[in-house]
Amino acid sequence: MSSRTIMIVDDEIQSRELLGRLLRCSGWEVMTASNGRDALEKIKVSPPHAIVLDMTMPEMDGFEVARSLKSDPEYQKIPILAATALCSHGDRHNETHLFTYEPSSE
C-alpha cells in the first residue's frame, strides 16, 4: 500500500463515504470497514498507517477494537483517531467529536 493509507471504521455507510471522499481529496489511500471485526481482519492482511475509528458501533465497539490493536505489538503503534457522534436530549444539534485514543496501561 502507499505510504499514506488510512482505514475508516464506521457502521454508518454515509460517514464512511463522506470521510473517505475528504481523505482521498487530501491524498490518502482509503480502506474501509463496517464493523470492528471486519476492521481487525483487514488490518491483519494489510495494516494501514492510521485509523479513524467510530467508538459507538454495535457488536464490537471502537474501544474494544482499539484495546485489541494497542495490546498487539505488531499494531500498537498505528495512530487511532477516535470519532463519535453525540446528540444530547432536548438538543437538535448532532456533535461529532474526534480525539486520539490511548488505552490505559492497566
C-alpha atoms as a PDB file:
ATOM      1  CA  MET A   1       0.000   0.000   0.000  1.00  0.00           C
ATOM      2  CA  SER A   2       1.025   3.592  -0.378  1.00  0.00           C
ATOM      3  CA  SER A   3       2.772   5.497   2.386  1.00  0.00           C
ATOM      4  CA  ARG A   4      -0.474   7.325   3.243  1.00  0.00           C
ATOM      5  CA  THR A   5      -3.064   4.634   3.875  1.00  0.00           C
ATOM      6  CA  ILE A   6      -5.872   5.250   6.346  1.00  0.00           C
ATOM      7  CA  MET A   7      -8.696   2.976   7.445  1.00  0.00           C
ATOM      8  CA  ILE A   8     -12.159   4.333   8.237  1.00  0.00           C
ATOM      9  CA  VAL A   9     -14.134   2.072  10.574  1.00  0.00           C
ATOM     10  CA  ASP A  10     -17.779   3.070  10.952  1.00  0.00           C
ATOM     11  CA  ASP A  11     -21.092   1.202  10.865  1.00  0.00           C
ATOM     12  CA  GLU A  12     -22.740   4.152   9.067  1.00  0.00           C
ATOM     13  CA  ILE A  13     -22.108   3.970   5.313  1.00  0.00           C
ATOM     14  CA  GLN A  14     -22.732   7.711   4.869  1.00  0.00           C
ATOM     15  CA  SER A  15     -19.980   8.515   7.365  1.00  0.00           C
ATOM     16  CA  ARG A  16     -17.521   6.167   5.658  1.00  0.00           C
ATOM     17  CA  GLU A  17     -18.289   7.596   2.228  1.00  0.00           C
ATOM     18  CA  LEU A  18     -18.108  11.250   3.255  1.00  0.00           C
ATOM     19  CA  LEU A  19     -14.901  10.920   5.242  1.00  0.00           C
ATOM     20  CA  GLY A  20     -13.438   8.697   2.519  1.00  0.00           C
ATOM     21  CA  ARG A  21     -14.033  11.363  -0.132  1.00  0.00           C
ATOM     22  CA  LEU A  22     -12.465  14.056   2.038  1.00  0.00           C
ATOM     23  CA  LEU A  23      -9.391  11.959   2.776  1.00  0.00           C
ATOM     24  CA  ARG A  24      -8.939  10.853  -0.853  1.00  0.00           C
ATOM     25  CA  CYS A  25      -9.044  14.516  -1.926  1.00  0.00           C
ATOM     26  CA  SER A  26      -6.253  15.110   0.603  1.00  0.00           C
ATOM     27  CA  GLY A  27      -4.084  12.411  -0.976  1.00  0.00           C
ATOM     28  CA  TRP A  28      -4.836   9.451   1.296  1.00  0.00           C
ATOM     29  CA  GLU A  29      -5.439   5.911   0.074  1.00  0.00           C
ATOM     30  CA  VAL A  30      -8.574   4.825   1.956  1.00  0.00           C
ATOM     31  CA  MET A  31      -9.569   1.417   3.301  1.00  0.00           C
ATOM     32  CA  THR A  32     -12.954   0.930   4.967  1.00  0.00           C
ATOM     33  CA  ALA A  33     -14.599  -1.471   7.386  1.00  0.00           C
ATOM     34  CA  SER A  34     -18.221  -1.508   8.512  1.00  0.00           C
ATOM     35  CA  ASN A  35     -17.591  -3.031  11.943  1.00  0.00           C
ATOM     36  CA  GLY A  36     -14.860  -3.832  14.435  1.00  0.00           C
ATOM     37  CA  ARG A  37     -14.395  -7.475  13.494  1.00  0.00           C
ATOM     38  CA  ASP A  38     -14.105  -6.636   9.789  1.00  0.00           C
ATOM     39  CA  ALA A  39     -11.551  -3.948  10.652  1.00  0.00           C
ATOM     40  CA  LEU A  40      -9.354  -6.318  12.661  1.00  0.00           C
ATOM     41  CA  GLU A  41      -9.421  -8.910   9.852  1.00  0.00           C
ATOM     42  CA  LYS A  42      -8.463  -6.323   7.213  1.00  0.00           C
ATOM     43  CA  ILE A  43      -5.731  -4.827   9.412  1.00  0.00           C
ATOM     44  CA  LYS A  44      -4.098  -8.257   9.775  1.00  0.00           C
ATOM     45  CA  VAL A  45      -3.947  -8.581   5.965  1.00  0.00           C
ATOM     46  CA  SER A  46      -2.845  -5.011   5.215  1.00  0.00           C
ATOM     47  CA  PRO A  47      -2.146  -2.706   8.177  1.00  0.00           C
ATOM     48  CA  PRO A  48      -2.962   0.957   7.489  1.00  0.00           C
ATOM     49  CA  HIS A  49      -0.765   3.830   8.607  1.00  0.00           C
ATOM     50  CA  ALA A  50      -3.622   5.402  10.587  1.00  0.00           C
ATOM     51  CA  ILE A  51      -7.202   4.587  11.601  1.00  0.00           C
ATOM     52  CA  VAL A  52     -10.336   6.713  12.034  1.00  0.00           C
ATOM     53  CA  LEU A  53     -12.454   4.650  14.408  1.00  0.00           C
ATOM     54  CA  ASP A  54     -16.124   5.081  15.328  1.00  0.00           C
ATOM     55  CA  MET A  55     -16.323   4.414  19.056  1.00  0.00           C
ATOM     56  CA  THR A  56     -20.058   3.625  19.213  1.00  0.00           C
ATOM     57  CA  MET A  57     -20.570   0.692  16.840  1.00  0.00           C
ATOM     58  CA  PRO A  58     -22.789  -2.305  17.693  1.00  0.00           C
ATOM     59  CA  GLU A  59     -21.298  -5.752  18.399  1.00  0.00           C
ATOM     60  CA  MET A  60     -17.639  -4.749  18.788  1.00  0.00           C
ATOM     61  CA  ASP A  61     -17.303  -1.068  19.658  1.00  0.00           C
ATOM     62  CA  GLY A  62     -14.333   1.137  18.904  1.00  0.00           C
ATOM     63  CA  PHE A  63     -12.944   0.817  22.427  1.00  0.00           C
ATOM     64  CA  GLU A  64     -12.686  -2.962  22.012  1.00  0.00           C
ATOM     65  CA  VAL A  65     -11.009  -2.566  18.614  1.00  0.00           C
ATOM     66  CA  ALA A  66      -8.527  -0.029  19.976  1.00  0.00           C
ATOM     67  CA  ARG A  67      -7.695  -2.195  23.013  1.00  0.00           C
ATOM     68  CA  SER A  68      -7.119  -5.191  20.735  1.00  0.00           C
ATOM     69  CA  LEU A  69      -4.792  -3.214  18.457  1.00  0.00           C
ATOM     70  CA  LYS A  70      -2.899  -1.494  21.267  1.00  0.00           C
ATOM     71  CA  SER A  71      -2.292  -4.813  23.043  1.00  0.00           C
ATOM     72  CA  ASP A  72      -0.654  -6.338  19.955  1.00  0.00           C
ATOM     73  CA  PRO A  73       2.991  -5.292  19.414  1.00  0.00           C
ATOM     74  CA  GLU A  74       2.558  -5.585  15.643  1.00  0.00           C
ATOM     75  CA  TYR A  75      -0.232  -2.973  15.534  1.00  0.00           C
ATOM     76  CA  GLN A  76       0.125  -0.911  18.711  1.00  0.00           C
ATOM     77  CA  LYS A  77       1.925   1.965  17.012  1.00  0.00           C
ATOM     78  CA  ILE A  78      -0.826   2.609  14.462  1.00  0.00           C
ATOM     79  CA  PRO A  79      -2.313   6.015  15.339  1.00  0.00           C
ATOM     80  CA  ILE A  80      -6.037   5.919  16.074  1.00  0.00           C
ATOM     81  CA  LEU A  81      -8.276   8.928  15.631  1.00  0.00           C
ATOM     82  CA  ALA A  82     -11.450   8.099  17.536  1.00  0.00           C
ATOM     83  CA  ALA A  83     -14.738   9.518  16.298  1.00  0.00           C
ATOM     84  CA  THR A  84     -18.157   9.630  17.877  1.00  0.00           C
ATOM     85  CA  ALA A  85     -21.405  11.458  17.244  1.00  0.00           C
ATOM     86  CA  LEU A  86     -23.323  12.543  20.316  1.00  0.00           C
ATOM     87  CA  CYS A  87     -26.777  14.033  20.493  1.00  0.00           C
ATOM     88  CA  SER A  88     -27.919  15.386  23.831  1.00  0.00           C
ATOM     89  CA  HIS A  89     -31.546  15.168  24.934  1.00  0.00           C
ATOM     90  CA  GLY A  90     -33.536  18.239  24.051  1.00  0.00           C
ATOM     91  CA  ASP A  91     -30.848  19.413  21.663  1.00  0.00           C
ATOM     92  CA  ARG A  92     -31.326  19.072  17.918  1.00  0.00           C
ATOM     93  CA  HIS A  93     -27.634  19.548  17.180  1.00  0.00           C
ATOM     94  CA  ASN A  94     -25.597  16.471  16.481  1.00  0.00           C
ATOM     95  CA  GLU A  95     -21.985  16.954  17.506  1.00  0.00           C
ATOM     96  CA  THR A  96     -19.143  14.933  16.087  1.00  0.00           C
ATOM     97  CA  HIS A  97     -16.092  14.633  18.282  1.00  0.00           C
ATOM     98  CA  LEU A  98     -12.637  13.458  17.221  1.00  0.00           C
ATOM     99  CA  PHE A  99      -9.885  12.528  19.636  1.00  0.00           C
ATOM    100  CA  THR A 100      -6.858  10.277  19.732  1.00  0.00           C
ATOM    101  CA  TYR A 101      -7.250   7.061  21.671  1.00  0.00           C
ATOM    102  CA  GLU A 102      -4.575   5.838  24.012  1.00  0.00           C
ATOM    103  CA  PRO A 103      -5.675   2.976  26.287  1.00  0.00           C
ATOM    104  CA  SER A 104      -4.679   2.978  29.926  1.00  0.00           C
ATOM    105  CA  SER A 105      -1.704   0.823  30.823  1.00  0.00           C
ATOM    106  CA  GLU A 106      -3.598  -1.292  33.385  1.00  0.00           C
END
